[in-house]
Amino acid sequence: MPMAASEIENLIKDALPDAEIRIDDLRGDGDHYLANVVSSAFAGKSRVQQHQMVYDALQGRMGGELHALALQTSAPESS
């Protein structure tokens, strides 16, 4: 059963409350998403660590309920 974009967003928001999240359904099938996540929690973290934080937020659903999730992560730009 595909996972709704809103469910993905809610899981990420629970783990990273300050995150700005945009999720695009790449194929319109509810199985292939692109998530753009910006959070201050990513500051000082490598790209791999940032992606791991998002995957951890999904609580094991990657590869099961959620087939494919491309990630773009970053910390907010300081002004």
PDB file of N, CA and C in Angstrom:
ATOM      1  N   MET A   1       0.853  -1.182   0.000  1.00  0.00           N
ATOM      2  CA  MET A   1       0.000   0.000   0.000  1.00  0.00           C
ATOM      3  C   MET A   1       0.895   1.241   0.000  1.00  0.00           C
ATOM      4  N   PRO A   2       0.689   2.145  -0.948  1.00  0.00           N
ATOM      5  CA  PRO A   2       1.506   3.358  -1.015  1.00  0.00           C
ATOM      6  C   PRO A   2       1.328   4.221   0.235  1.00  0.00           C
ATOM      7  N   MET A   3       2.283   5.069   0.437  1.00  0.00           N
ATOM      8  CA  MET A   3       2.279   5.981   1.576  1.00  0.00           C
ATOM      9  C   MET A   3       1.908   7.378   1.085  1.00  0.00           C
ATOM     10  N   ALA A   4       1.034   8.045   1.792  1.00  0.00           N
ATOM     11  CA  ALA A   4       0.626   9.401   1.405  1.00  0.00           C
ATOM     12  C   ALA A   4       1.738  10.403   1.714  1.00  0.00           C
ATOM     13  N   ALA A   5       1.866  11.392   0.855  1.00  0.00           N
ATOM     14  CA  ALA A   5       2.873  12.436   1.060  1.00  0.00           C
ATOM     15  C   ALA A   5       2.681  13.116   2.416  1.00  0.00           C
ATOM     16  N   SER A   6       1.444  13.302   2.820  1.00  0.00           N
ATOM     17  CA  SER A   6       1.172  13.964   4.105  1.00  0.00           C
ATOM     18  C   SER A   6       1.697  13.126   5.275  1.00  0.00           C
ATOM     19  N   GLU A   7       1.637  11.812   5.142  1.00  0.00           N
ATOM     20  CA  GLU A   7       2.153  10.936   6.197  1.00  0.00           C
ATOM     21  C   GLU A   7       3.677  11.048   6.297  1.00  0.00           C
ATOM     22  N   ILE A   8       4.333  11.110   5.143  1.00  0.00           N
ATOM     23  CA  ILE A   8       5.794  11.288   5.128  1.00  0.00           C
ATOM     24  C   ILE A   8       6.139  12.617   5.791  1.00  0.00           C
ATOM     25  N   GLU A   9       5.439  13.655   5.411  1.00  0.00           N
ATOM     26  CA  GLU A   9       5.697  14.982   5.971  1.00  0.00           C
ATOM     27  C   GLU A   9       5.483  14.984   7.482  1.00  0.00           C
ATOM     28  N   ASN A  10       4.426  14.353   7.944  1.00  0.00           N
ATOM     29  CA  ASN A  10       4.145  14.329   9.385  1.00  0.00           C
ATOM     30  C   ASN A  10       5.236  13.600  10.168  1.00  0.00           C
ATOM     31  N   LEU A  11       5.734  12.494   9.624  1.00  0.00           N
ATOM     32  CA  LEU A  11       6.797  11.745  10.306  1.00  0.00           C
ATOM     33  C   LEU A  11       8.074  12.583  10.396  1.00  0.00           C
ATOM     34  N   ILE A  12       8.398  13.270   9.306  1.00  0.00           N
ATOM     35  CA  ILE A  12       9.601  14.111   9.317  1.00  0.00           C
ATOM     36  C   ILE A  12       9.407  15.276  10.291  1.00  0.00           C
ATOM     37  N   LYS A  13       8.227  15.872  10.284  1.00  0.00           N
ATOM     38  CA  LYS A  13       7.935  16.995  11.192  1.00  0.00           C
ATOM     39  C   LYS A  13       8.008  16.576  12.657  1.00  0.00           C
ATOM     40  N   ASP A  14       7.580  15.344  12.943  1.00  0.00           N
ATOM     41  CA  ASP A  14       7.651  14.855  14.328  1.00  0.00           C
ATOM     42  C   ASP A  14       9.099  14.786  14.804  1.00  0.00           C
ATOM     43  N   ALA A  15      10.006  14.373  13.904  1.00  0.00           N
ATOM     44  CA  ALA A  15      11.417  14.228  14.270  1.00  0.00           C
ATOM     45  C   ALA A  15      12.189  15.543  14.153  1.00  0.00           C
ATOM     46  N   LEU A  16      11.791  16.377  13.204  1.00  0.00           N
ATOM     47  CA  LEU A  16      12.488  17.643  12.942  1.00  0.00           C
ATOM     48  C   LEU A  16      11.446  18.757  12.919  1.00  0.00           C
ATOM     49  N   PRO A  17      10.991  19.194  14.107  1.00  0.00           N
ATOM     50  CA  PRO A  17       9.850  20.121  14.175  1.00  0.00           C
ATOM     51  C   PRO A  17      10.026  21.436  13.419  1.00  0.00           C
ATOM     52  N   ASP A  18      11.260  21.901  13.259  1.00  0.00           N
ATOM     53  CA  ASP A  18      11.435  23.190  12.574  1.00  0.00           C
ATOM     54  C   ASP A  18      11.582  23.028  11.061  1.00  0.00           C
ATOM     55  N   ALA A  19      11.490  21.816  10.565  1.00  0.00           N
ATOM     56  CA  ALA A  19      11.771  21.553   9.154  1.00  0.00           C
ATOM     57  C   ALA A  19      10.752  22.206   8.225  1.00  0.00           C
ATOM     58  N   GLU A  20      11.286  22.732   7.125  1.00  0.00           N
ATOM     59  CA  GLU A  20      10.456  23.155   5.995  1.00  0.00           C
ATOM     60  C   GLU A  20      10.544  22.005   5.002  1.00  0.00           C
ATOM     61  N   ILE A  21       9.393  21.497   4.623  1.00  0.00           N
ATOM     62  CA  ILE A  21       9.355  20.263   3.833  1.00  0.00           C
ATOM     63  C   ILE A  21       8.514  20.467   2.582  1.00  0.00           C
ATOM     64  N   ARG A  22       9.058  20.033   1.464  1.00  0.00           N
ATOM     65  CA  ARG A  22       8.274  19.977   0.222  1.00  0.00           C
ATOM     66  C   ARG A  22       8.405  18.559  -0.312  1.00  0.00           C
ATOM     67  N   ILE A  23       7.281  17.943  -0.607  1.00  0.00           N
ATOM     68  CA  ILE A  23       7.302  16.577  -1.116  1.00  0.00           C
ATOM     69  C   ILE A  23       6.607  16.549  -2.474  1.00  0.00           C
ATOM     70  N   ASP A  24       7.312  16.000  -3.454  1.00  0.00           N
ATOM     71  CA  ASP A  24       6.761  15.848  -4.803  1.00  0.00           C
ATOM     72  C   ASP A  24       6.586  14.370  -5.102  1.00  0.00           C
ATOM     73  N   ASP A  25       5.410  14.007  -5.593  1.00  0.00           N
ATOM     74  CA  ASP A  25       5.153  12.631  -6.031  1.00  0.00           C
ATOM     75  C   ASP A  25       5.650  12.541  -7.470  1.00  0.00           C
ATOM     76  N   LEU A  26       6.784  11.897  -7.667  1.00  0.00           N
ATOM     77  CA  LEU A  26       7.469  11.925  -8.961  1.00  0.00           C
ATOM     78  C   LEU A  26       6.717  11.210 -10.082  1.00  0.00           C
ATOM     79  N   ARG A  27       5.966  10.182  -9.744  1.00  0.00           N
ATOM     80  CA  ARG A  27       5.259   9.418 -10.781  1.00  0.00           C
ATOM     81  C   ARG A  27       3.745   9.456 -10.614  1.00  0.00           C
ATOM     82  N   GLY A  28       3.284  10.087  -9.557  1.00  0.00           N
ATOM     83  CA  GLY A  28       1.845  10.127  -9.311  1.00  0.00           C
ATOM     84  C   GLY A  28       1.294   8.806  -8.814  1.00  0.00           C
ATOM     85  N   ASP A  29       2.180   7.932  -8.335  1.00  0.00           N
ATOM     86  CA  ASP A  29       1.729   6.609  -7.907  1.00  0.00           C
ATOM     87  C   ASP A  29       1.769   6.405  -6.393  1.00  0.00           C
ATOM     88  N   GLY A  30       2.214   7.442  -5.652  1.00  0.00           N
ATOM     89  CA  GLY A  30       2.286   7.309  -4.203  1.00  0.00           C
ATOM     90  C   GLY A  30       3.428   6.427  -3.739  1.00  0.00           C
ATOM     91  N   ASP A  31       4.328   6.091  -4.633  1.00  0.00           N
ATOM     92  CA  ASP A  31       5.449   5.209  -4.286  1.00  0.00           C
ATOM     93  C   ASP A  31       6.818   5.816  -4.556  1.00  0.00           C
ATOM     94  N   HIS A  32       6.871   6.865  -5.346  1.00  0.00           N
ATOM     95  CA  HIS A  32       8.150   7.464  -5.734  1.00  0.00           C
ATOM     96  C   HIS A  32       8.096   8.958  -5.444  1.00  0.00           C
ATOM     97  N   TYR A  33       8.789   9.361  -4.384  1.00  0.00           N
ATOM     98  CA  TYR A  33       8.727  10.753  -3.940  1.00  0.00           C
ATOM     99  C   TYR A  33      10.100  11.407  -3.973  1.00  0.00           C
ATOM    100  N   LEU A  34      10.059  12.725  -4.044  1.00  0.00           N
ATOM    101  CA  LEU A  34      11.240  13.557  -3.819  1.00  0.00           C
ATOM    102  C   LEU A  34      10.893  14.449  -2.637  1.00  0.00           C
ATOM    103  N   ALA A  35      11.711  14.426  -1.601  1.00  0.00           N
ATOM    104  CA  ALA A  35      11.496  15.276  -0.430  1.00  0.00           C
ATOM    105  C   ALA A  35      12.628  16.287  -0.331  1.00  0.00           C
ATOM    106  N   ASN A  36      12.253  17.543  -0.233  1.00  0.00           N
ATOM    107  CA  ASN A  36      13.213  18.616   0.022  1.00  0.00           C
ATOM    108  C   ASN A  36      12.995  19.045   1.462  1.00  0.00           C
ATOM    109  N   VAL A  37      14.007  18.865   2.307  1.00  0.00           N
ATOM    110  CA  VAL A  37      13.880  19.134   3.739  1.00  0.00           C
ATOM    111  C   VAL A  37      14.952  20.122   4.165  1.00  0.00           C
ATOM    112  N   VAL A  38      14.526  21.228   4.747  1.00  0.00           N
ATOM    113  CA  VAL A  38      15.451  22.235   5.274  1.00  0.00           C
ATOM    114  C   VAL A  38      15.213  22.321   6.780  1.00  0.00           C
ATOM    115  N   SER A  39      16.292  22.106   7.563  1.00  0.00           N
ATOM    116  CA  SER A  39      16.147  22.136   9.020  1.00  0.00           C
ATOM    117  C   SER A  39      17.431  22.622   9.667  1.00  0.00           C
ATOM    118  N   SER A  40      17.286  23.392  10.731  1.00  0.00           N
ATOM    119  CA  SER A  40      18.468  23.845  11.467  1.00  0.00           C
ATOM    120  C   SER A  40      19.181  22.663  12.128  1.00  0.00           C
ATOM    121  N   ALA A  41      18.487  21.545  12.316  1.00  0.00           N
ATOM    122  CA  ALA A  41      19.104  20.348  12.903  1.00  0.00           C
ATOM    123  C   ALA A  41      20.194  19.775  11.996  1.00  0.00           C
ATOM    124  N   PHE A  42      20.210  20.168  10.725  1.00  0.00           N
ATOM    125  CA  PHE A  42      21.213  19.670   9.787  1.00  0.00           C
ATOM    126  C   PHE A  42      22.521  20.465   9.845  1.00  0.00           C
ATOM    127  N   ALA A  43      22.518  21.579  10.548  1.00  0.00           N
ATOM    128  CA  ALA A  43      23.722  22.421  10.607  1.00  0.00           C
ATOM    129  C   ALA A  43      24.903  21.621  11.136  1.00  0.00           C
ATOM    130  N   GLY A  44      26.016  21.683  10.424  1.00  0.00           N
ATOM    131  CA  GLY A  44      27.228  20.993  10.842  1.00  0.00           C
ATOM    132  C   GLY A  44      27.250  19.508  10.535  1.00  0.00           C
ATOM    133  N   LYS A  45      26.182  18.982   9.966  1.00  0.00           N
ATOM    134  CA  LYS A  45      26.102  17.545   9.637  1.00  0.00           C
ATOM    135  C   LYS A  45      26.482  17.331   8.171  1.00  0.00           C
ATOM    136  N   SER A  46      27.069  16.179   7.893  1.00  0.00           N
ATOM    137  CA  SER A  46      27.358  15.827   6.503  1.00  0.00           C
ATOM    138  C   SER A  46      26.046  15.499   5.798  1.00  0.00           C
ATOM    139  N   ARG A  47      26.096  15.473   4.468  1.00  0.00           N
ATOM    140  CA  ARG A  47      24.898  15.129   3.689  1.00  0.00           C
ATOM    141  C   ARG A  47      24.413  13.724   4.072  1.00  0.00           C
ATOM    142  N   VAL A  48      25.321  12.792   4.280  1.00  0.00           N
ATOM    143  CA  VAL A  48      24.941  11.429   4.665  1.00  0.00           C
ATOM    144  C   VAL A  48      24.230  11.444   6.021  1.00  0.00           C
ATOM    145  N   GLN A  49      24.750  12.200   6.968  1.00  0.00           N
ATOM    146  CA  GLN A  49      24.120  12.291   8.288  1.00  0.00           C
ATOM    147  C   GLN A  49      22.730  12.936   8.181  1.00  0.00           C
ATOM    148  N   GLN A  50      22.599  13.952   7.342  1.00  0.00           N
ATOM    149  CA  GLN A  50      21.298  14.599   7.147  1.00  0.00           C
ATOM    150  C   GLN A  50      20.278  13.605   6.598  1.00  0.00           C
ATOM    151  N   HIS A  51      20.697  12.829   5.596  1.00  0.00           N
ATOM    152  CA  HIS A  51      19.776  11.857   5.004  1.00  0.00           C
ATOM    153  C   HIS A  51      19.426  10.769   6.011  1.00  0.00           C
ATOM    154  N   GLN A  52      20.393  10.361   6.816  1.00  0.00           N
ATOM    155  CA  GLN A  52      20.118   9.349   7.834  1.00  0.00           C
ATOM    156  C   GLN A  52      19.092   9.855   8.848  1.00  0.00           C
ATOM    157  N   MET A  53      19.169  11.126   9.190  1.00  0.00           N
ATOM    158  CA  MET A  53      18.200  11.705  10.125  1.00  0.00           C
ATOM    159  C   MET A  53      16.785  11.634   9.542  1.00  0.00           C
ATOM    160  N   VAL A  54      16.662  11.877   8.243  1.00  0.00           N
ATOM    161  CA  VAL A  54      15.335  11.800   7.605  1.00  0.00           C
ATOM    162  C   VAL A  54      14.866  10.351   7.553  1.00  0.00           C
ATOM    163  N   TYR A  55      15.764   9.447   7.159  1.00  0.00           N
ATOM    164  CA  TYR A  55      15.373   8.030   7.117  1.00  0.00           C
ATOM    165  C   TYR A  55      14.983   7.533   8.508  1.00  0.00           C
ATOM    166  N   ASP A  56      15.704   7.960   9.539  1.00  0.00           N
ATOM    167  CA  ASP A  56      15.339   7.581  10.910  1.00  0.00           C
ATOM    168  C   ASP A  56      13.940   8.084  11.258  1.00  0.00           C
ATOM    169  N   ALA A  57      13.610   9.282  10.782  1.00  0.00           N
ATOM    170  CA  ALA A  57      12.287   9.864  11.049  1.00  0.00           C
ATOM    171  C   ALA A  57      11.172   9.003  10.451  1.00  0.00           C
ATOM    172  N   LEU A  58      11.486   8.261   9.401  1.00  0.00           N
ATOM    173  CA  LEU A  58      10.466   7.444   8.728  1.00  0.00           C
ATOM    174  C   LEU A  58      10.211   6.120   9.445  1.00  0.00           C
ATOM    175  N   GLN A  59      10.937   5.875  10.517  1.00  0.00           N
ATOM    176  CA  GLN A  59      10.679   4.757  11.429  1.00  0.00           C
ATOM    177  C   GLN A  59      10.550   3.410  10.717  1.00  0.00           C
ATOM    178  N   GLY A  60      11.483   3.134   9.809  1.00  0.00           N
ATOM    179  CA  GLY A  60      11.518   1.821   9.170  1.00  0.00           C
ATOM    180  C   GLY A  60      10.576   1.623   8.001  1.00  0.00           C
ATOM    181  N   ARG A  61       9.875   2.658   7.600  1.00  0.00           N
ATOM    182  CA  ARG A  61       8.920   2.491   6.490  1.00  0.00           C
ATOM    183  C   ARG A  61       9.596   2.467   5.113  1.00  0.00           C
ATOM    184  N   MET A  62      10.843   2.963   5.050  1.00  0.00           N
ATOM    185  CA  MET A  62      11.582   2.950   3.783  1.00  0.00           C
ATOM    186  C   MET A  62      11.807   1.519   3.349  1.00  0.00           C
ATOM    187  N   GLY A  63      11.502   1.233   2.090  1.00  0.00           N
ATOM    188  CA  GLY A  63      11.693  -0.111   1.568  1.00  0.00           C
ATOM    189  C   GLY A  63      10.492  -1.007   1.807  1.00  0.00           C
ATOM    190  N   GLY A  64       9.568  -0.578   2.622  1.00  0.00           N
ATOM    191  CA  GLY A  64       8.340  -1.329   2.864  1.00  0.00           C
ATOM    192  C   GLY A  64       7.165  -0.549   2.291  1.00  0.00           C
ATOM    193  N   GLU A  65       6.528   0.224   3.156  1.00  0.00           N
ATOM    194  CA  GLU A  65       5.413   1.066   2.709  1.00  0.00           C
ATOM    195  C   GLU A  65       5.856   2.106   1.689  1.00  0.00           C
ATOM    196  N   LEU A  66       7.070   2.580   1.860  1.00  0.00           N
ATOM    197  CA  LEU A  66       7.601   3.623   0.983  1.00  0.00           C
ATOM    198  C   LEU A  66       8.672   3.016   0.094  1.00  0.00           C
ATOM    199  N   HIS A  67       8.401   2.972  -1.196  1.00  0.00           N
ATOM    200  CA  HIS A  67       9.300   2.296  -2.129  1.00  0.00           C
ATOM    201  C   HIS A  67      10.538   3.130  -2.447  1.00  0.00           C
ATOM    202  N   ALA A  68      10.362   4.411  -2.788  1.00  0.00           N
ATOM    203  CA  ALA A  68      11.507   5.223  -3.217  1.00  0.00           C
ATOM    204  C   ALA A  68      11.342   6.661  -2.741  1.00  0.00           C
ATOM    205  N   LEU A  69      12.395   7.174  -2.128  1.00  0.00           N
ATOM    206  CA  LEU A  69      12.386   8.555  -1.660  1.00  0.00           C
ATOM    207  C   LEU A  69      13.733   9.194  -1.989  1.00  0.00           C
ATOM    208  N   ALA A  70      13.721  10.109  -2.951  1.00  0.00           N
ATOM    209  CA  ALA A  70      14.912  10.895  -3.244  1.00  0.00           C
ATOM    210  C   ALA A  70      14.933  12.051  -2.250  1.00  0.00           C
ATOM    211  N   LEU A  71      16.110  12.375  -1.746  1.00  0.00           N
ATOM    212  CA  LEU A  71      16.213  13.415  -0.721  1.00  0.00           C
ATOM    213  C   LEU A  71      17.092  14.565  -1.166  1.00  0.00           C
ATOM    214  N   GLN A  72      16.639  15.761  -0.836  1.00  0.00           N
ATOM    215  CA  GLN A  72      17.455  16.962  -0.917  1.00  0.00           C
ATOM    216  C   GLN A  72      17.355  17.590   0.463  1.00  0.00           C
ATOM    217  N   THR A  73      18.480  17.688   1.160  1.00  0.00           N
ATOM    218  CA  THR A  73      18.469  18.228   2.520  1.00  0.00           C
ATOM    219  C   THR A  73      19.467  19.366   2.637  1.00  0.00           C
ATOM    220  N   SER A  74      19.158  20.288   3.534  1.00  0.00           N
ATOM    221  CA  SER A  74      20.094  21.387   3.796  1.00  0.00           C
ATOM    222  C   SER A  74      19.691  22.084   5.084  1.00  0.00           C
ATOM    223  N   ALA A  75      20.663  22.800   5.636  1.00  0.00           N
ATOM    224  CA  ALA A  75      20.378  23.680   6.768  1.00  0.00           C
ATOM    225  C   ALA A  75      19.945  25.023   6.192  1.00  0.00           C
ATOM    226  N   PRO A  76      19.161  25.781   6.943  1.00  0.00           N
ATOM    227  CA  PRO A  76      18.759  27.103   6.446  1.00  0.00           C
ATOM    228  C   PRO A  76      19.997  27.974   6.235  1.00  0.00           C
ATOM    229  N   GLU A  77      19.910  28.825   5.234  1.00  0.00           N
ATOM    230  CA  GLU A  77      21.018  29.750   4.988  1.00  0.00           C
ATOM    231  C   GLU A  77      21.009  30.819   6.058  1.00  0.00           C
ATOM    232  N   SER A  78      22.180  31.109   6.627  1.00  0.00           N
ATOM    233  CA  SER A  78      22.239  32.173   7.620  1.00  0.00           C
ATOM    234  C   SER A  78      22.362  33.509   6.907  1.00  0.00           C
ATOM    235  N   SER A  79      21.789  34.527   7.513  1.00  0.00           N
ATOM    236  CA  SER A  79      21.830  35.844   6.866  1.00  0.00           C
ATOM    237  C   SER A  79      22.708  36.791   7.617  1.00  0.00           C
TER     238      SER A  79
END
